[in-house]
Amino acid sequence: MRNRLIAGLAAVTLVGALAACSSDEGSTSSPTPVEASATASSTGDDMGMTITDTVAANPEFSTLLAAVQAADLGDTLAGEGPYTVFAPTNDAFAALPAKTLNALLKPANQAQLAAILTYHVVDGEVMAADVMPGNLTTVNGADITVSVDGGDVILTDGQGNQAMVTETDVAASNGVIHVIDAVLLPPAQ
């Protein structure tokens, strides 16, 4: 079952991501925890496919797949899990400056790219029905803020940029994918 959610989006630039990753400012987080439970998936037609397989099979995630491969995270996202992945589409990556995205895909920037990508991953399987407003700690260690407005789910990253969840509960054998329309950026380091 796939639910559609529509919300507003603030443009995200990777120039801000590069500045954030090289900034000396500390991160901030809200003390309000997200009340979301990890549940067993019961929705997937593709239960034999891992998150990596699912991303690879969908042409809307070709840029995400290239980034996952450049960051050497493919095996991790094909691992046991379970994981919840907020997956930016090709259009989300296209909103970023091409020269900056290309720079992140270079081997010299692998750690920085991995930090951005792991900011899109949460340990455990969080289905859309279980999401409540608050903070959600990512595998990166930093929080994203989840807000719910009617039926719309909005994610706010560590730099105040927003992404909307456009499709939920894309099942994989080792977790679940929620499709988002912007690249999330961790707080400035």
N, C-alpha and C. Protein backbone atom coordinates (compact mmCIF):
# COMPACT_ATOMS: atom_id res chain seq x y z
N MET A 1 0.85 -1.16 0.00
CA MET A 1 0.00 0.00 0.00
C MET A 1 0.90 1.23 0.00
N ARG A 2 0.57 2.19 -0.84
CA ARG A 2 1.36 3.42 -0.92
C ARG A 2 0.45 4.60 -0.68
N ASN A 3 0.80 5.41 0.25
CA ASN A 3 0.03 6.61 0.56
C ASN A 3 0.69 7.80 -0.09
N ARG A 4 -0.07 8.73 -0.56
CA ARG A 4 0.45 9.97 -1.15
C ARG A 4 0.25 11.11 -0.17
N LEU A 5 1.29 11.87 0.04
CA LEU A 5 1.21 13.04 0.92
C LEU A 5 1.80 14.22 0.18
N ILE A 6 1.15 15.38 0.24
CA ILE A 6 1.63 16.56 -0.46
C ILE A 6 1.80 17.71 0.52
N ALA A 7 2.90 18.41 0.45
CA ALA A 7 3.15 19.56 1.33
C ALA A 7 4.07 20.53 0.62
N GLY A 8 4.30 21.67 1.22
CA GLY A 8 5.19 22.70 0.68
C GLY A 8 6.65 22.31 0.79
N LEU A 9 7.50 22.93 -0.01
CA LEU A 9 8.92 22.62 -0.03
C LEU A 9 9.73 23.90 -0.09
N ALA A 10 10.74 23.99 0.73
CA ALA A 10 11.70 25.09 0.64
C ALA A 10 12.89 24.59 -0.15
N ALA A 11 13.39 25.38 -1.06
CA ALA A 11 14.51 24.97 -1.91
C ALA A 11 15.75 24.74 -1.06
N VAL A 12 16.47 23.71 -1.42
CA VAL A 12 17.70 23.36 -0.72
C VAL A 12 18.85 23.52 -1.70
N THR A 13 19.94 24.13 -1.27
CA THR A 13 21.11 24.23 -2.12
C THR A 13 22.27 23.49 -1.49
N LEU A 14 23.00 22.80 -2.31
CA LEU A 14 24.13 22.06 -1.79
C LEU A 14 25.28 22.98 -1.42
N VAL A 15 25.26 24.21 -1.95
CA VAL A 15 26.26 25.18 -1.52
C VAL A 15 26.13 25.37 -0.01
N GLY A 16 24.90 25.43 0.47
CA GLY A 16 24.66 25.52 1.91
C GLY A 16 25.17 24.28 2.62
N ALA A 17 25.04 23.13 1.98
CA ALA A 17 25.52 21.89 2.59
C ALA A 17 27.03 21.92 2.75
N LEU A 18 27.70 22.39 1.72
CA LEU A 18 29.16 22.46 1.81
C LEU A 18 29.59 23.45 2.88
N ALA A 19 28.92 24.58 2.94
CA ALA A 19 29.24 25.56 3.98
C ALA A 19 28.95 24.98 5.35
N ALA A 20 27.86 24.25 5.46
CA ALA A 20 27.49 23.66 6.75
C ALA A 20 28.50 22.61 7.18
N CYS A 21 28.94 21.82 6.24
CA CYS A 21 29.87 20.75 6.59
C CYS A 21 31.24 21.28 6.95
N SER A 22 31.56 22.48 6.49
CA SER A 22 32.86 23.04 6.82
C SER A 22 32.78 24.11 7.89
N SER A 23 31.57 24.42 8.36
CA SER A 23 31.37 25.45 9.37
C SER A 23 31.84 24.97 10.73
N ASP A 24 32.21 25.91 11.59
CA ASP A 24 32.62 25.57 12.95
C ASP A 24 31.48 25.65 13.94
N GLU A 25 30.27 26.02 13.48
CA GLU A 25 29.15 26.16 14.39
C GLU A 25 28.68 24.80 14.87
N GLY A 26 28.20 24.73 16.10
CA GLY A 26 27.68 23.49 16.66
C GLY A 26 26.27 23.25 16.19
N SER A 27 25.81 22.04 16.38
CA SER A 27 24.46 21.71 15.98
C SER A 27 23.50 21.96 17.12
N THR A 28 22.25 22.16 16.73
CA THR A 28 21.21 22.33 17.73
C THR A 28 20.15 21.29 17.50
N SER A 29 19.47 20.91 18.56
CA SER A 29 18.38 19.96 18.41
C SER A 29 17.34 20.24 19.47
N SER A 30 16.12 19.87 19.14
CA SER A 30 15.02 20.07 20.05
C SER A 30 14.91 18.87 20.98
N PRO A 31 14.52 19.08 22.22
CA PRO A 31 14.44 17.96 23.14
C PRO A 31 13.19 17.09 22.96
N THR A 32 12.26 17.50 22.11
CA THR A 32 11.03 16.74 21.95
C THR A 32 11.29 15.48 21.14
N PRO A 33 11.07 14.30 21.69
CA PRO A 33 11.32 13.08 20.93
C PRO A 33 10.17 12.75 19.98
N VAL A 34 10.49 12.09 18.91
CA VAL A 34 9.45 11.59 18.02
C VAL A 34 8.86 10.35 18.64
N GLU A 35 7.57 10.28 18.58
CA GLU A 35 6.90 9.08 19.07
C GLU A 35 6.55 8.25 17.85
N ALA A 36 7.50 7.40 17.45
CA ALA A 36 7.28 6.53 16.31
C ALA A 36 7.77 5.15 16.68
N SER A 37 7.04 4.17 16.27
CA SER A 37 7.46 2.81 16.63
C SER A 37 7.99 2.09 15.41
N ALA A 38 8.92 1.21 15.66
CA ALA A 38 9.43 0.35 14.60
C ALA A 38 8.49 -0.84 14.50
N THR A 39 7.97 -1.03 13.31
CA THR A 39 7.00 -2.11 13.12
C THR A 39 7.46 -3.03 12.02
N ALA A 40 6.93 -4.21 12.00
CA ALA A 40 7.24 -5.15 10.93
C ALA A 40 6.45 -4.75 9.69
N SER A 41 7.11 -4.78 8.55
CA SER A 41 6.44 -4.41 7.32
C SER A 41 5.48 -5.49 6.87
N SER A 42 4.33 -5.06 6.44
CA SER A 42 3.37 -6.02 5.90
C SER A 42 2.84 -5.52 4.58
N THR A 43 3.57 -4.57 3.94
CA THR A 43 3.03 -3.93 2.76
C THR A 43 3.76 -4.25 1.48
N GLY A 44 4.86 -4.96 1.50
CA GLY A 44 5.71 -4.99 0.32
C GLY A 44 5.43 -6.06 -0.69
N ASP A 45 5.33 -5.61 -1.98
CA ASP A 45 5.29 -6.57 -3.07
C ASP A 45 6.71 -7.05 -3.33
N ASP A 46 7.70 -6.21 -3.00
CA ASP A 46 9.09 -6.48 -3.33
C ASP A 46 9.87 -6.92 -2.09
N MET A 47 9.27 -7.79 -1.28
CA MET A 47 9.89 -8.17 -0.01
C MET A 47 11.23 -8.88 -0.20
N GLY A 48 11.53 -9.42 -1.39
CA GLY A 48 12.82 -10.04 -1.62
C GLY A 48 13.89 -9.03 -1.97
N MET A 49 13.53 -7.79 -2.23
CA MET A 49 14.48 -6.76 -2.64
C MET A 49 14.89 -5.92 -1.44
N THR A 50 16.19 -5.70 -1.29
CA THR A 50 16.69 -4.84 -0.22
C THR A 50 16.44 -3.38 -0.59
N ILE A 51 16.75 -2.49 0.33
CA ILE A 51 16.62 -1.06 0.03
C ILE A 51 17.51 -0.69 -1.16
N THR A 52 18.73 -1.18 -1.19
CA THR A 52 19.62 -0.90 -2.31
C THR A 52 19.04 -1.43 -3.62
N ASP A 53 18.49 -2.65 -3.61
CA ASP A 53 17.87 -3.22 -4.81
C ASP A 53 16.69 -2.36 -5.28
N THR A 54 15.88 -1.93 -4.33
CA THR A 54 14.70 -1.13 -4.65
C THR A 54 15.09 0.21 -5.26
N VAL A 55 16.10 0.85 -4.70
CA VAL A 55 16.60 2.11 -5.24
C VAL A 55 17.16 1.88 -6.65
N ALA A 56 17.92 0.81 -6.83
CA ALA A 56 18.52 0.51 -8.13
C ALA A 56 17.47 0.21 -9.20
N ALA A 57 16.36 -0.36 -8.80
CA ALA A 57 15.31 -0.75 -9.74
C ALA A 57 14.42 0.41 -10.17
N ASN A 58 14.49 1.54 -9.48
CA ASN A 58 13.61 2.66 -9.77
C ASN A 58 14.40 3.78 -10.45
N PRO A 59 14.09 4.10 -11.71
CA PRO A 59 14.84 5.15 -12.41
C PRO A 59 14.74 6.53 -11.75
N GLU A 60 13.73 6.77 -10.92
CA GLU A 60 13.61 8.05 -10.21
C GLU A 60 14.68 8.23 -9.14
N PHE A 61 15.42 7.16 -8.83
CA PHE A 61 16.46 7.22 -7.80
C PHE A 61 17.86 7.02 -8.38
N SER A 62 18.06 7.25 -9.68
CA SER A 62 19.37 6.99 -10.27
C SER A 62 20.47 7.89 -9.68
N THR A 63 20.15 9.13 -9.36
CA THR A 63 21.14 10.01 -8.74
C THR A 63 21.43 9.56 -7.32
N LEU A 64 20.39 9.18 -6.58
CA LEU A 64 20.59 8.64 -5.23
C LEU A 64 21.46 7.40 -5.29
N LEU A 65 21.21 6.51 -6.24
CA LEU A 65 22.01 5.30 -6.37
C LEU A 65 23.48 5.65 -6.64
N ALA A 66 23.72 6.60 -7.53
CA ALA A 66 25.11 7.02 -7.80
C ALA A 66 25.77 7.57 -6.54
N ALA A 67 25.01 8.34 -5.76
CA ALA A 67 25.56 8.89 -4.52
C ALA A 67 25.83 7.80 -3.50
N VAL A 68 24.91 6.85 -3.37
CA VAL A 68 25.10 5.72 -2.44
C VAL A 68 26.34 4.93 -2.83
N GLN A 69 26.54 4.70 -4.12
CA GLN A 69 27.72 3.98 -4.59
C GLN A 69 28.99 4.78 -4.34
N ALA A 70 28.95 6.09 -4.61
CA ALA A 70 30.13 6.94 -4.40
C ALA A 70 30.51 7.01 -2.92
N ALA A 71 29.51 6.95 -2.04
CA ALA A 71 29.76 6.99 -0.59
C ALA A 71 30.05 5.61 -0.03
N ASP A 72 30.02 4.59 -0.88
CA ASP A 72 30.28 3.20 -0.48
C ASP A 72 29.29 2.72 0.59
N LEU A 73 28.01 3.08 0.41
CA LEU A 73 26.97 2.68 1.37
C LEU A 73 26.04 1.60 0.83
N GLY A 74 26.27 1.15 -0.39
CA GLY A 74 25.38 0.15 -1.00
C GLY A 74 25.26 -1.12 -0.20
N ASP A 75 26.39 -1.65 0.28
CA ASP A 75 26.35 -2.88 1.07
C ASP A 75 25.64 -2.67 2.40
N THR A 76 25.83 -1.51 2.99
CA THR A 76 25.16 -1.21 4.26
C THR A 76 23.65 -1.21 4.08
N LEU A 77 23.16 -0.53 3.03
CA LEU A 77 21.72 -0.46 2.80
C LEU A 77 21.14 -1.75 2.22
N ALA A 78 22.01 -2.68 1.88
CA ALA A 78 21.57 -4.01 1.48
C ALA A 78 21.67 -4.98 2.65
N GLY A 79 22.17 -4.49 3.79
CA GLY A 79 22.37 -5.32 4.98
C GLY A 79 21.07 -5.65 5.68
N GLU A 80 21.23 -6.28 6.84
CA GLU A 80 20.09 -6.82 7.58
C GLU A 80 19.05 -5.79 7.98
N GLY A 81 19.49 -4.60 8.43
CA GLY A 81 18.53 -3.58 8.85
C GLY A 81 17.78 -3.99 10.10
N PRO A 82 16.57 -3.55 10.30
CA PRO A 82 15.79 -2.76 9.35
C PRO A 82 16.16 -1.28 9.41
N TYR A 83 15.92 -0.61 8.28
CA TYR A 83 16.18 0.81 8.14
C TYR A 83 14.95 1.51 7.59
N THR A 84 14.84 2.78 7.91
CA THR A 84 13.88 3.66 7.26
C THR A 84 14.71 4.66 6.48
N VAL A 85 14.46 4.77 5.18
CA VAL A 85 15.21 5.67 4.32
C VAL A 85 14.27 6.73 3.75
N PHE A 86 14.66 7.99 3.92
CA PHE A 86 13.98 9.10 3.28
C PHE A 86 14.74 9.36 1.99
N ALA A 87 14.18 8.90 0.87
CA ALA A 87 14.90 8.86 -0.40
C ALA A 87 14.57 10.05 -1.31
N PRO A 88 15.56 10.93 -1.55
CA PRO A 88 15.34 12.03 -2.48
C PRO A 88 15.28 11.52 -3.92
N THR A 89 14.39 12.08 -4.71
CA THR A 89 14.27 11.72 -6.12
C THR A 89 15.35 12.42 -6.94
N ASN A 90 15.42 12.05 -8.21
CA ASN A 90 16.33 12.74 -9.12
C ASN A 90 16.03 14.23 -9.17
N ASP A 91 14.75 14.60 -9.16
CA ASP A 91 14.39 16.02 -9.18
C ASP A 91 14.91 16.75 -7.94
N ALA A 92 14.91 16.07 -6.80
CA ALA A 92 15.44 16.68 -5.57
C ALA A 92 16.93 16.97 -5.73
N PHE A 93 17.66 16.02 -6.30
CA PHE A 93 19.09 16.24 -6.53
C PHE A 93 19.32 17.29 -7.61
N ALA A 94 18.42 17.35 -8.61
CA ALA A 94 18.56 18.33 -9.70
C ALA A 94 18.43 19.76 -9.20
N ALA A 95 17.78 19.96 -8.07
CA ALA A 95 17.65 21.31 -7.49
C ALA A 95 18.96 21.80 -6.90
N LEU A 96 19.92 20.91 -6.75
CA LEU A 96 21.23 21.28 -6.20
C LEU A 96 22.13 21.75 -7.33
N PRO A 97 23.07 22.65 -7.04
CA PRO A 97 24.03 23.07 -8.07
C PRO A 97 24.83 21.86 -8.59
N ALA A 98 24.83 21.68 -9.90
CA ALA A 98 25.47 20.51 -10.51
C ALA A 98 26.95 20.40 -10.16
N LYS A 99 27.67 21.53 -10.16
CA LYS A 99 29.11 21.44 -9.88
C LYS A 99 29.36 21.00 -8.43
N THR A 100 28.50 21.38 -7.53
CA THR A 100 28.66 20.99 -6.13
C THR A 100 28.33 19.52 -5.96
N LEU A 101 27.24 19.07 -6.57
CA LEU A 101 26.89 17.65 -6.51
C LEU A 101 28.01 16.81 -7.11
N ASN A 102 28.53 17.23 -8.26
CA ASN A 102 29.64 16.50 -8.88
C ASN A 102 30.85 16.45 -7.97
N ALA A 103 31.12 17.53 -7.25
CA ALA A 103 32.26 17.54 -6.32
C ALA A 103 32.04 16.53 -5.19
N LEU A 104 30.82 16.44 -4.68
CA LEU A 104 30.54 15.48 -3.61
C LEU A 104 30.68 14.04 -4.07
N LEU A 105 30.47 13.79 -5.35
CA LEU A 105 30.56 12.43 -5.87
C LEU A 105 32.00 11.97 -6.08
N LYS A 106 32.96 12.88 -5.90
CA LYS A 106 34.38 12.52 -6.06
C LYS A 106 34.88 11.77 -4.83
N PRO A 107 35.80 10.83 -5.02
CA PRO A 107 36.33 10.04 -3.89
C PRO A 107 36.87 10.88 -2.74
N ALA A 108 37.45 12.03 -3.02
CA ALA A 108 38.01 12.86 -1.95
C ALA A 108 36.94 13.37 -0.99
N ASN A 109 35.69 13.39 -1.42
CA ASN A 109 34.58 13.90 -0.59
C ASN A 109 33.65 12.81 -0.11
N GLN A 110 34.13 11.57 -0.11
CA GLN A 110 33.31 10.42 0.26
C GLN A 110 32.73 10.55 1.67
N ALA A 111 33.53 11.00 2.63
CA ALA A 111 33.05 11.11 4.01
C ALA A 111 31.94 12.16 4.12
N GLN A 112 32.11 13.27 3.44
CA GLN A 112 31.10 14.33 3.47
C GLN A 112 29.80 13.85 2.83
N LEU A 113 29.90 13.14 1.70
CA LEU A 113 28.72 12.59 1.04
C LEU A 113 28.04 11.56 1.93
N ALA A 114 28.83 10.70 2.56
CA ALA A 114 28.26 9.69 3.46
C ALA A 114 27.52 10.35 4.62
N ALA A 115 28.05 11.46 5.14
CA ALA A 115 27.38 12.17 6.24
C ALA A 115 26.02 12.70 5.80
N ILE A 116 25.94 13.21 4.59
CA ILE A 116 24.67 13.71 4.06
C ILE A 116 23.70 12.55 3.83
N LEU A 117 24.17 11.47 3.23
CA LEU A 117 23.29 10.34 2.94
C LEU A 117 22.80 9.64 4.20
N THR A 118 23.67 9.47 5.19
CA THR A 118 23.23 8.81 6.42
C THR A 118 22.28 9.68 7.23
N TYR A 119 22.21 10.97 6.88
CA TYR A 119 21.22 11.87 7.48
C TYR A 119 19.81 11.56 6.95
N HIS A 120 19.72 10.75 5.92
CA HIS A 120 18.45 10.33 5.33
C HIS A 120 18.00 8.96 5.82
N VAL A 121 18.73 8.37 6.79
CA VAL A 121 18.46 7.00 7.24
C VAL A 121 18.21 6.98 8.74
N VAL A 122 17.21 6.20 9.15
CA VAL A 122 16.87 6.01 10.55
C VAL A 122 16.94 4.52 10.85
N ASP A 123 17.52 4.15 11.99
CA ASP A 123 17.50 2.75 12.42
C ASP A 123 16.07 2.33 12.71
N GLY A 124 15.72 1.13 12.32
CA GLY A 124 14.38 0.62 12.55
C GLY A 124 13.47 0.92 11.38
N GLU A 125 12.32 0.32 11.43
CA GLU A 125 11.35 0.50 10.36
C GLU A 125 10.19 1.33 10.87
N VAL A 126 10.08 2.55 10.38
CA VAL A 126 9.03 3.47 10.80
C VAL A 126 8.04 3.63 9.64
N MET A 127 6.87 3.07 9.81
CA MET A 127 5.84 3.17 8.79
C MET A 127 5.13 4.52 8.92
N ALA A 128 4.52 4.97 7.85
CA ALA A 128 3.86 6.28 7.83
C ALA A 128 2.81 6.40 8.93
N ALA A 129 2.07 5.35 9.20
CA ALA A 129 1.01 5.40 10.21
C ALA A 129 1.57 5.61 11.62
N ASP A 130 2.86 5.34 11.81
CA ASP A 130 3.47 5.45 13.13
C ASP A 130 4.16 6.78 13.39
N VAL A 131 4.21 7.65 12.38
CA VAL A 131 4.94 8.91 12.51
C VAL A 131 4.14 9.91 13.33
N MET A 132 4.82 10.52 14.27
CA MET A 132 4.25 11.58 15.10
C MET A 132 5.20 12.78 15.03
N PRO A 133 4.69 13.99 15.25
CA PRO A 133 5.57 15.18 15.22
C PRO A 133 6.65 15.10 16.29
N GLY A 134 7.81 15.65 15.96
CA GLY A 134 8.93 15.70 16.90
C GLY A 134 10.24 15.47 16.17
N ASN A 135 11.26 15.12 16.93
CA ASN A 135 12.57 14.87 16.35
C ASN A 135 12.79 13.39 16.15
N LEU A 136 13.50 13.09 15.09
CA LEU A 136 13.84 11.73 14.73
C LEU A 136 15.35 11.69 14.54
N THR A 137 16.04 10.85 15.30
CA THR A 137 17.50 10.77 15.21
C THR A 137 17.90 9.87 14.05
N THR A 138 18.76 10.39 13.20
CA THR A 138 19.20 9.66 12.02
C THR A 138 20.45 8.83 12.33
N VAL A 139 20.83 7.97 11.41
CA VAL A 139 22.05 7.18 11.54
C VAL A 139 23.26 8.09 11.61
N ASN A 140 23.17 9.26 11.02
CA ASN A 140 24.23 10.27 11.06
C ASN A 140 24.48 10.75 12.49
N GLY A 141 23.46 10.60 13.36
CA GLY A 141 23.56 11.06 14.74
C GLY A 141 22.84 12.37 15.00
N ALA A 142 22.50 13.08 13.93
CA ALA A 142 21.78 14.35 14.05
C ALA A 142 20.28 14.12 13.83
N ASP A 143 19.48 15.04 14.33
CA ASP A 143 18.02 14.92 14.24
C ASP A 143 17.46 15.63 13.03
N ILE A 144 16.35 15.10 12.53
CA ILE A 144 15.47 15.82 11.61
C ILE A 144 14.18 16.04 12.38
N THR A 145 13.47 17.09 12.04
CA THR A 145 12.21 17.39 12.70
C THR A 145 11.06 16.99 11.79
N VAL A 146 10.14 16.23 12.35
CA VAL A 146 8.97 15.76 11.62
C VAL A 146 7.78 16.60 12.08
N SER A 147 7.04 17.14 11.12
CA SER A 147 5.80 17.82 11.45
C SER A 147 4.69 17.24 10.57
N VAL A 148 3.51 17.21 11.13
CA VAL A 148 2.36 16.68 10.41
C VAL A 148 1.32 17.79 10.35
N ASP A 149 0.89 18.12 9.15
CA ASP A 149 -0.11 19.17 8.95
C ASP A 149 -1.25 18.53 8.15
N GLY A 150 -2.31 18.17 8.86
CA GLY A 150 -3.38 17.41 8.20
C GLY A 150 -2.81 16.06 7.83
N GLY A 151 -2.83 15.72 6.57
CA GLY A 151 -2.24 14.47 6.10
C GLY A 151 -0.86 14.65 5.54
N ASP A 152 -0.31 15.84 5.62
CA ASP A 152 0.99 16.13 5.04
C ASP A 152 2.11 15.93 6.05
N VAL A 153 3.17 15.27 5.63
CA VAL A 153 4.34 15.07 6.48
C VAL A 153 5.47 15.92 5.91
N ILE A 154 6.04 16.76 6.76
CA ILE A 154 7.11 17.66 6.37
C ILE A 154 8.33 17.37 7.25
N LEU A 155 9.48 17.23 6.62
CA LEU A 155 10.74 17.03 7.32
C LEU A 155 11.54 18.31 7.26
N THR A 156 12.06 18.74 8.40
CA THR A 156 12.91 19.93 8.44
C THR A 156 14.30 19.47 8.85
N ASP A 157 15.27 19.83 8.04
CA ASP A 157 16.63 19.37 8.29
C ASP A 157 17.35 20.27 9.28
N GLY A 158 18.61 19.98 9.53
CA GLY A 158 19.41 20.69 10.51
C GLY A 158 19.75 22.11 10.12
N GLN A 159 19.39 22.51 8.91
CA GLN A 159 19.66 23.86 8.46
C GLN A 159 18.38 24.66 8.21
N GLY A 160 17.25 24.07 8.58
CA GLY A 160 15.98 24.76 8.44
C GLY A 160 15.29 24.57 7.10
N ASN A 161 15.89 23.79 6.20
CA ASN A 161 15.27 23.50 4.91
C ASN A 161 14.20 22.44 5.10
N GLN A 162 13.21 22.43 4.23
CA GLN A 162 12.12 21.46 4.36
C GLN A 162 12.01 20.57 3.13
N ALA A 163 11.55 19.37 3.36
CA ALA A 163 11.24 18.41 2.30
C ALA A 163 9.87 17.84 2.59
N MET A 164 9.14 17.55 1.55
CA MET A 164 7.86 16.90 1.76
C MET A 164 7.98 15.43 1.44
N VAL A 165 7.22 14.65 2.16
CA VAL A 165 7.13 13.22 1.87
C VAL A 165 6.06 13.08 0.80
N THR A 166 6.44 12.53 -0.35
CA THR A 166 5.52 12.43 -1.48
C THR A 166 4.97 11.03 -1.68
N GLU A 167 5.65 10.04 -1.14
CA GLU A 167 5.18 8.65 -1.21
C GLU A 167 5.72 7.93 0.01
N THR A 168 4.89 7.10 0.60
CA THR A 168 5.29 6.42 1.83
C THR A 168 5.22 4.91 1.69
N ASP A 169 5.88 4.26 2.65
CA ASP A 169 5.76 2.81 2.84
C ASP A 169 6.13 1.97 1.62
N VAL A 170 7.20 2.34 0.93
CA VAL A 170 7.73 1.52 -0.15
C VAL A 170 8.55 0.42 0.54
N ALA A 171 8.00 -0.77 0.57
CA ALA A 171 8.58 -1.85 1.35
C ALA A 171 9.81 -2.46 0.68
N ALA A 172 10.74 -2.87 1.51
CA ALA A 172 11.92 -3.63 1.09
C ALA A 172 12.12 -4.73 2.12
N SER A 173 12.94 -5.70 1.79
CA SER A 173 13.13 -6.83 2.70
C SER A 173 13.83 -6.43 3.99
N ASN A 174 14.55 -5.32 3.97
CA ASN A 174 15.29 -4.88 5.16
C ASN A 174 14.87 -3.49 5.65
N GLY A 175 13.64 -3.10 5.35
CA GLY A 175 13.15 -1.82 5.84
C GLY A 175 12.10 -1.22 4.95
N VAL A 176 12.05 0.11 5.00
CA VAL A 176 11.02 0.84 4.26
C VAL A 176 11.62 2.14 3.72
N ILE A 177 11.10 2.57 2.57
CA ILE A 177 11.52 3.82 1.94
C ILE A 177 10.33 4.77 1.94
N HIS A 178 10.60 6.03 2.29
CA HIS A 178 9.64 7.11 2.11
C HIS A 178 10.29 8.08 1.13
N VAL A 179 9.60 8.41 0.06
CA VAL A 179 10.13 9.27 -0.99
C VAL A 179 9.96 10.73 -0.58
N ILE A 180 11.03 11.52 -0.76
CA ILE A 180 10.97 12.95 -0.43
C ILE A 180 11.41 13.78 -1.64
N ASP A 181 11.03 15.05 -1.61
CA ASP A 181 11.29 15.90 -2.77
C ASP A 181 12.43 16.89 -2.57
N ALA A 182 13.26 16.71 -1.58
CA ALA A 182 14.42 17.59 -1.39
C ALA A 182 15.51 16.79 -0.67
N VAL A 183 16.73 17.24 -0.85
CA VAL A 183 17.86 16.63 -0.15
C VAL A 183 17.95 17.27 1.24
N LEU A 184 18.01 16.44 2.27
CA LEU A 184 18.13 16.92 3.64
C LEU A 184 19.61 17.13 3.98
N LEU A 185 19.87 18.17 4.76
CA LEU A 185 21.25 18.49 5.12
C LEU A 185 21.43 18.47 6.62
N PRO A 186 22.46 17.82 7.10
CA PRO A 186 22.70 17.80 8.55
C PRO A 186 23.03 19.19 9.08
N PRO A 187 22.94 19.37 10.39
CA PRO A 187 23.29 20.66 10.97
C PRO A 187 24.74 21.02 10.68
N ALA A 188 25.02 22.30 10.68
CA ALA A 188 26.39 22.78 10.47
C ALA A 188 27.30 22.18 11.55
N GLN A 189 28.46 21.76 11.14
CA GLN A 189 29.42 21.15 12.06
C GLN A 189 30.28 22.22 12.70
